């Protein structure tokens, strides 16, 4: 802030030395981060890129490439080839609305966009989802929500 409290006819102006731009969308953050190449491939294969660009607000638990590497290679290839199953898995990582980390730690469960419940626990200071996926980075803010980075891919319960 270069100057504060500059009075105007209809308010007060604070002068800044740079242009404030809105943050990128969830889809743009995923596309621009090397940790999410497999997630980006999955989002594109499921046709969810537009949703994560124009929809929301959402909370996305984003598995890294290392998380996807823990999934059996054959199972991952089969999943990428089955759009309906892939969409269900991806939507199991999304909550409608914004849930920042400070709120997530107060929850014991949440309803995912897939319609399924997910368990949330705090274990030794770490937030753990379904007793398997640890949140390794929190509150990556986007124009249309927030991303929390996780270390395992969450698989929805079998129908």
C-alpha atoms as a PDB file:
ATOM      1  CA  UNK A   1       0.000   0.000   0.000  1.00  0.00           C
ATOM      2  CA  UNK A   2       1.510   3.253  -1.164  1.00  0.00           C
ATOM      3  CA  UNK A   3      -1.072   5.640   0.295  1.00  0.00           C
ATOM      4  CA  UNK A   4      -3.973   5.059   2.655  1.00  0.00           C
ATOM      5  CA  UNK A   5      -7.227   6.788   3.394  1.00  0.00           C
ATOM      6  CA  UNK A   6      -7.365   9.004   0.296  1.00  0.00           C
ATOM      7  CA  UNK A   7     -10.817  10.533   0.519  1.00  0.00           C
ATOM      8  CA  UNK A   8     -13.028  10.458  -2.548  1.00  0.00           C
ATOM      9  CA  UNK A   9     -16.547  11.768  -3.091  1.00  0.00           C
ATOM     10  CA  UNK A  10     -18.082   8.313  -2.660  1.00  0.00           C
ATOM     11  CA  UNK A  11     -15.597   6.524  -0.387  1.00  0.00           C
ATOM     12  CA  UNK A  12     -11.996   6.054   0.607  1.00  0.00           C
ATOM     13  CA  UNK A  13      -9.178   4.921  -1.692  1.00  0.00           C
ATOM     14  CA  UNK A  14      -6.040   3.015  -0.762  1.00  0.00           C
ATOM     15  CA  UNK A  15      -3.323   3.335  -3.415  1.00  0.00           C
ATOM     16  CA  UNK A  16      -1.287   0.213  -4.206  1.00  0.00           C
ATOM     17  CA  UNK A  17       1.806  -0.296  -6.345  1.00  0.00           C
ATOM     18  CA  UNK A  18       0.665  -3.340  -8.301  1.00  0.00           C
ATOM     19  CA  UNK A  19      -2.396  -4.721 -10.015  1.00  0.00           C
ATOM     20  CA  UNK A  20      -4.381  -7.199  -7.940  1.00  0.00           C
ATOM     21  CA  UNK A  21      -5.406 -10.183 -10.027  1.00  0.00           C
ATOM     22  CA  UNK A  22      -7.753 -12.957  -8.956  1.00  0.00           C
ATOM     23  CA  UNK A  23      -6.197 -16.346  -8.220  1.00  0.00           C
ATOM     24  CA  UNK A  24      -6.337 -19.030 -10.932  1.00  0.00           C
ATOM     25  CA  UNK A  25      -9.092 -21.636 -11.037  1.00  0.00           C
ATOM     26  CA  UNK A  26      -8.751 -25.102  -9.530  1.00  0.00           C
ATOM     27  CA  UNK A  27      -8.255 -26.527 -13.028  1.00  0.00           C
ATOM     28  CA  UNK A  28      -5.515 -23.994 -13.818  1.00  0.00           C
ATOM     29  CA  UNK A  29      -3.681 -24.727 -10.566  1.00  0.00           C
ATOM     30  CA  UNK A  30      -3.787 -28.484 -11.251  1.00  0.00           C
ATOM     31  CA  UNK A  31      -2.629 -27.929 -14.844  1.00  0.00           C
ATOM     32  CA  UNK A  32       0.235 -25.693 -13.756  1.00  0.00           C
ATOM     33  CA  UNK A  33       1.639 -27.871 -10.967  1.00  0.00           C
ATOM     34  CA  UNK A  34       4.011 -30.720 -11.882  1.00  0.00           C
ATOM     35  CA  UNK A  35       2.834 -32.730  -8.858  1.00  0.00           C
ATOM     36  CA  UNK A  36      -0.574 -33.240 -10.493  1.00  0.00           C
ATOM     37  CA  UNK A  37       0.172 -34.578 -13.998  1.00  0.00           C
ATOM     38  CA  UNK A  38      -1.736 -37.839 -13.421  1.00  0.00           C
ATOM     39  CA  UNK A  39      -4.620 -35.990 -11.776  1.00  0.00           C
ATOM     40  CA  UNK A  40      -4.762 -33.633 -14.759  1.00  0.00           C
ATOM     41  CA  UNK A  41      -4.849 -36.603 -17.150  1.00  0.00           C
ATOM     42  CA  UNK A  42      -7.669 -38.161 -15.115  1.00  0.00           C
ATOM     43  CA  UNK A  43      -9.663 -34.911 -14.926  1.00  0.00           C
ATOM     44  CA  UNK A  44      -9.380 -34.472 -18.694  1.00  0.00           C
ATOM     45  CA  UNK A  45     -10.279 -38.127 -19.387  1.00  0.00           C
ATOM     46  CA  UNK A  46     -13.388 -37.796 -17.207  1.00  0.00           C
ATOM     47  CA  UNK A  47     -14.417 -34.539 -18.877  1.00  0.00           C
ATOM     48  CA  UNK A  48     -14.294 -32.610 -15.597  1.00  0.00           C
ATOM     49  CA  UNK A  49     -11.868 -29.846 -16.628  1.00  0.00           C
ATOM     50  CA  UNK A  50     -14.691 -27.420 -17.476  1.00  0.00           C
ATOM     51  CA  UNK A  51     -16.402 -28.132 -14.155  1.00  0.00           C
ATOM     52  CA  UNK A  52     -13.200 -27.326 -12.256  1.00  0.00           C
ATOM     53  CA  UNK A  53     -12.769 -24.175 -14.337  1.00  0.00           C
ATOM     54  CA  UNK A  54     -16.248 -22.644 -14.308  1.00  0.00           C
ATOM     55  CA  UNK A  55     -18.059 -24.476 -11.493  1.00  0.00           C
ATOM     56  CA  UNK A  56     -17.791 -24.222  -7.784  1.00  0.00           C
ATOM     57  CA  UNK A  57     -17.010 -23.270  -5.237  1.00  0.00           C
ATOM     58  CA  UNK A  58     -15.378 -26.617  -4.459  1.00  0.00           C
ATOM     59  CA  UNK A  59     -12.952 -28.153  -2.014  1.00  0.00           C
ATOM     60  CA  UNK A  60     -10.670 -30.591  -3.825  1.00  0.00           C
ATOM     61  CA  UNK A  61      -8.497 -33.177  -2.107  1.00  0.00           C
ATOM     62  CA  UNK A  62      -5.878 -33.480  -4.847  1.00  0.00           C
ATOM     63  CA  UNK A  63      -3.753 -36.644  -4.966  1.00  0.00           C
ATOM     64  CA  UNK A  64      -0.205 -36.141  -6.207  1.00  0.00           C
ATOM     65  CA  UNK A  65       1.527 -38.204  -8.877  1.00  0.00           C
ATOM     66  CA  UNK A  66       3.228 -40.093  -6.036  1.00  0.00           C
ATOM     67  CA  UNK A  67      -0.234 -40.934  -4.665  1.00  0.00           C
ATOM     68  CA  UNK A  68      -1.330 -42.291  -8.045  1.00  0.00           C
ATOM     69  CA  UNK A  69       1.908 -44.321  -8.218  1.00  0.00           C
ATOM     70  CA  UNK A  70       0.694 -46.242  -5.148  1.00  0.00           C
ATOM     71  CA  UNK A  71      -2.327 -47.506  -7.125  1.00  0.00           C
ATOM     72  CA  UNK A  72      -1.781 -50.805  -8.949  1.00  0.00           C
ATOM     73  CA  UNK A  73      -0.719 -49.910 -12.516  1.00  0.00           C
ATOM     74  CA  UNK A  74      -3.264 -52.243 -14.112  1.00  0.00           C
ATOM     75  CA  UNK A  75      -6.060 -50.913 -11.922  1.00  0.00           C
ATOM     76  CA  UNK A  76      -5.086 -47.337 -12.759  1.00  0.00           C
ATOM     77  CA  UNK A  77      -5.097 -48.030 -16.514  1.00  0.00           C
ATOM     78  CA  UNK A  78      -8.499 -49.740 -16.213  1.00  0.00           C
ATOM     79  CA  UNK A  79      -9.810 -46.768 -14.252  1.00  0.00           C
ATOM     80  CA  UNK A  80      -8.561 -44.275 -16.840  1.00  0.00           C
ATOM     81  CA  UNK A  81     -10.343 -46.316 -19.531  1.00  0.00           C
ATOM     82  CA  UNK A  82     -13.694 -46.403 -17.661  1.00  0.00           C
ATOM     83  CA  UNK A  83     -15.069 -42.856 -17.714  1.00  0.00           C
ATOM     84  CA  UNK A  84     -17.970 -43.551 -15.338  1.00  0.00           C
ATOM     85  CA  UNK A  85     -15.766 -45.208 -12.706  1.00  0.00           C
ATOM     86  CA  UNK A  86     -13.087 -42.535 -13.130  1.00  0.00           C
ATOM     87  CA  UNK A  87     -15.649 -39.770 -12.676  1.00  0.00           C
ATOM     88  CA  UNK A  88     -16.937 -41.449  -9.508  1.00  0.00           C
ATOM     89  CA  UNK A  89     -13.402 -41.695  -8.089  1.00  0.00           C
ATOM     90  CA  UNK A  90     -12.612 -38.073  -8.939  1.00  0.00           C
ATOM     91  CA  UNK A  91     -15.880 -36.774  -7.470  1.00  0.00           C
ATOM     92  CA  UNK A  92     -14.994 -38.709  -4.300  1.00  0.00           C
ATOM     93  CA  UNK A  93     -12.203 -36.132  -3.928  1.00  0.00           C
ATOM     94  CA  UNK A  94     -14.505 -33.075  -4.185  1.00  0.00           C
ATOM     95  CA  UNK A  95     -16.792 -31.342  -1.693  1.00  0.00           C
ATOM     96  CA  UNK A  96     -19.367 -28.776  -2.813  1.00  0.00           C
ATOM     97  CA  UNK A  97     -18.412 -25.527  -1.092  1.00  0.00           C
ATOM     98  CA  UNK A  98     -15.215 -24.248   0.465  1.00  0.00           C
ATOM     99  CA  UNK A  99     -13.799 -26.131   3.461  1.00  0.00           C
ATOM    100  CA  UNK A 100     -10.544 -24.523   4.594  1.00  0.00           C
ATOM    101  CA  UNK A 101      -8.159 -26.568   6.733  1.00  0.00           C
ATOM    102  CA  UNK A 102      -9.231 -24.755   9.901  1.00  0.00           C
ATOM    103  CA  UNK A 103     -12.774 -26.046   9.343  1.00  0.00           C
ATOM    104  CA  UNK A 104     -11.786 -29.506   8.049  1.00  0.00           C
ATOM    105  CA  UNK A 105     -10.026 -30.354  11.314  1.00  0.00           C
ATOM    106  CA  UNK A 106     -13.300 -29.840  13.190  1.00  0.00           C
ATOM    107  CA  UNK A 107     -15.206 -32.356  11.054  1.00  0.00           C
ATOM    108  CA  UNK A 108     -15.465 -36.116  11.511  1.00  0.00           C
ATOM    109  CA  UNK A 109     -16.917 -36.722   8.065  1.00  0.00           C
ATOM    110  CA  UNK A 110     -17.983 -34.930   4.912  1.00  0.00           C
ATOM    111  CA  UNK A 111     -20.264 -35.662   1.989  1.00  0.00           C
ATOM    112  CA  UNK A 112     -18.349 -35.750  -1.250  1.00  0.00           C
ATOM    113  CA  UNK A 113     -19.697 -34.640  -4.641  1.00  0.00           C
ATOM    114  CA  UNK A 114     -20.033 -38.355  -5.496  1.00  0.00           C
ATOM    115  CA  UNK A 115     -22.667 -38.568  -2.743  1.00  0.00           C
ATOM    116  CA  UNK A 116     -20.503 -40.802  -0.549  1.00  0.00           C
ATOM    117  CA  UNK A 117     -19.241 -39.980   2.938  1.00  0.00           C
ATOM    118  CA  UNK A 118     -15.575 -39.609   3.773  1.00  0.00           C
ATOM    119  CA  UNK A 119     -14.083 -39.934   7.242  1.00  0.00           C
ATOM    120  CA  UNK A 120     -11.904 -37.105   8.546  1.00  0.00           C
ATOM    121  CA  UNK A 121      -9.633 -37.460  11.572  1.00  0.00           C
ATOM    122  CA  UNK A 122      -6.745 -35.596  13.124  1.00  0.00           C
ATOM    123  CA  UNK A 123      -3.927 -37.974  14.045  1.00  0.00           C
ATOM    124  CA  UNK A 124      -0.888 -36.474  15.740  1.00  0.00           C
ATOM    125  CA  UNK A 125      -1.490 -33.120  14.104  1.00  0.00           C
ATOM    126  CA  UNK A 126      -2.031 -34.607  10.639  1.00  0.00           C
ATOM    127  CA  UNK A 127      -5.418 -34.586   8.918  1.00  0.00           C
ATOM    128  CA  UNK A 128      -6.194 -38.078   7.630  1.00  0.00           C
ATOM    129  CA  UNK A 129      -9.021 -39.029   5.263  1.00  0.00           C
ATOM    130  CA  UNK A 130     -10.594 -42.483   5.491  1.00  0.00           C
ATOM    131  CA  UNK A 131      -7.698 -43.571   7.749  1.00  0.00           C
ATOM    132  CA  UNK A 132      -5.396 -43.718   4.704  1.00  0.00           C
ATOM    133  CA  UNK A 133      -4.775 -40.419   2.922  1.00  0.00           C
ATOM    134  CA  UNK A 134      -2.837 -37.741   4.761  1.00  0.00           C
ATOM    135  CA  UNK A 135      -3.306 -34.106   3.856  1.00  0.00           C
ATOM    136  CA  UNK A 136       0.244 -32.932   3.081  1.00  0.00           C
ATOM    137  CA  UNK A 137      -0.499 -29.338   2.013  1.00  0.00           C
ATOM    138  CA  UNK A 138      -3.525 -27.208   2.810  1.00  0.00           C
ATOM    139  CA  UNK A 139      -5.383 -24.150   1.663  1.00  0.00           C
ATOM    140  CA  UNK A 140      -4.171 -23.709  -1.898  1.00  0.00           C
ATOM    141  CA  UNK A 141      -6.707 -21.007  -2.725  1.00  0.00           C
ATOM    142  CA  UNK A 142      -8.304 -20.828  -6.147  1.00  0.00           C
ATOM    143  CA  UNK A 143     -10.825 -18.490  -7.731  1.00  0.00           C
ATOM    144  CA  UNK A 144     -13.479 -21.200  -7.400  1.00  0.00           C
ATOM    145  CA  UNK A 145     -12.489 -22.950  -4.192  1.00  0.00           C
ATOM    146  CA  UNK A 146      -9.610 -24.477  -2.294  1.00  0.00           C
ATOM    147  CA  UNK A 147      -7.253 -27.415  -2.817  1.00  0.00           C
ATOM    148  CA  UNK A 148      -5.780 -29.661  -0.137  1.00  0.00           C
ATOM    149  CA  UNK A 149      -2.988 -31.963  -1.366  1.00  0.00           C
ATOM    150  CA  UNK A 150      -3.165 -35.637  -0.294  1.00  0.00           C
ATOM    151  CA  UNK A 151      -0.717 -38.539  -0.419  1.00  0.00           C
ATOM    152  CA  UNK A 152      -3.112 -41.362  -1.431  1.00  0.00           C
ATOM    153  CA  UNK A 153      -5.883 -41.719  -3.992  1.00  0.00           C
ATOM    154  CA  UNK A 154      -9.241 -42.168  -2.277  1.00  0.00           C
ATOM    155  CA  UNK A 155     -11.392 -44.987  -3.600  1.00  0.00           C
ATOM    156  CA  UNK A 156     -15.152 -44.698  -3.063  1.00  0.00           C
ATOM    157  CA  UNK A 157     -16.985 -47.542  -1.359  1.00  0.00           C
ATOM    158  CA  UNK A 158     -18.184 -50.300  -3.662  1.00  0.00           C
ATOM    159  CA  UNK A 159     -21.834 -49.925  -4.682  1.00  0.00           C
END
